[in-house]
Amino acid sequence: MESYEFAKLCAKALSGKKAEDILLLNVADQTVVCSYFVIASGRSTTQVKALGEAVEEAVKKETGLSPVRTEGFREGRWGVLDFGDVVVHVFHEESRLFYYLERLWDSGRNIERYQEDL
């Protein structure tokens, strides 16, 4: 599965659990760490945890893959799922405003706001 399609799979899982402000950030030209960041927000620590679980389950079901590393979901403020070429960041909405991660990686042409296919 291509990196972009993998990122969209993660975004779809987030959308299915009512994540807010889901972004796909193409960072391939800016770092060798990965090709895409998927960034989303949850309204509570409980939702942040559920969003992380939803992505992990959807990816496992669709591709058989598990994250290389998972961090931060226990506290529910900012969790990261590292799938190698795609890294998923799930923020509590307050933490997202504070860190504003997308600002650091925005080149003006590399951000796509995820919209569920109708």
Foldseek 3Di string as FASTA:
>chain_A
DDLVVLLLLLVVLLVVLPWPFWKWFQQVVPDPQAGIEIETEDQDLVSLLVSVVSSQVSCCVPPVDGFPDWDDSVRSAWIWGHNRRYIYIYHHVVSCVVPVVVVVRDPPPGMDGDDDDD
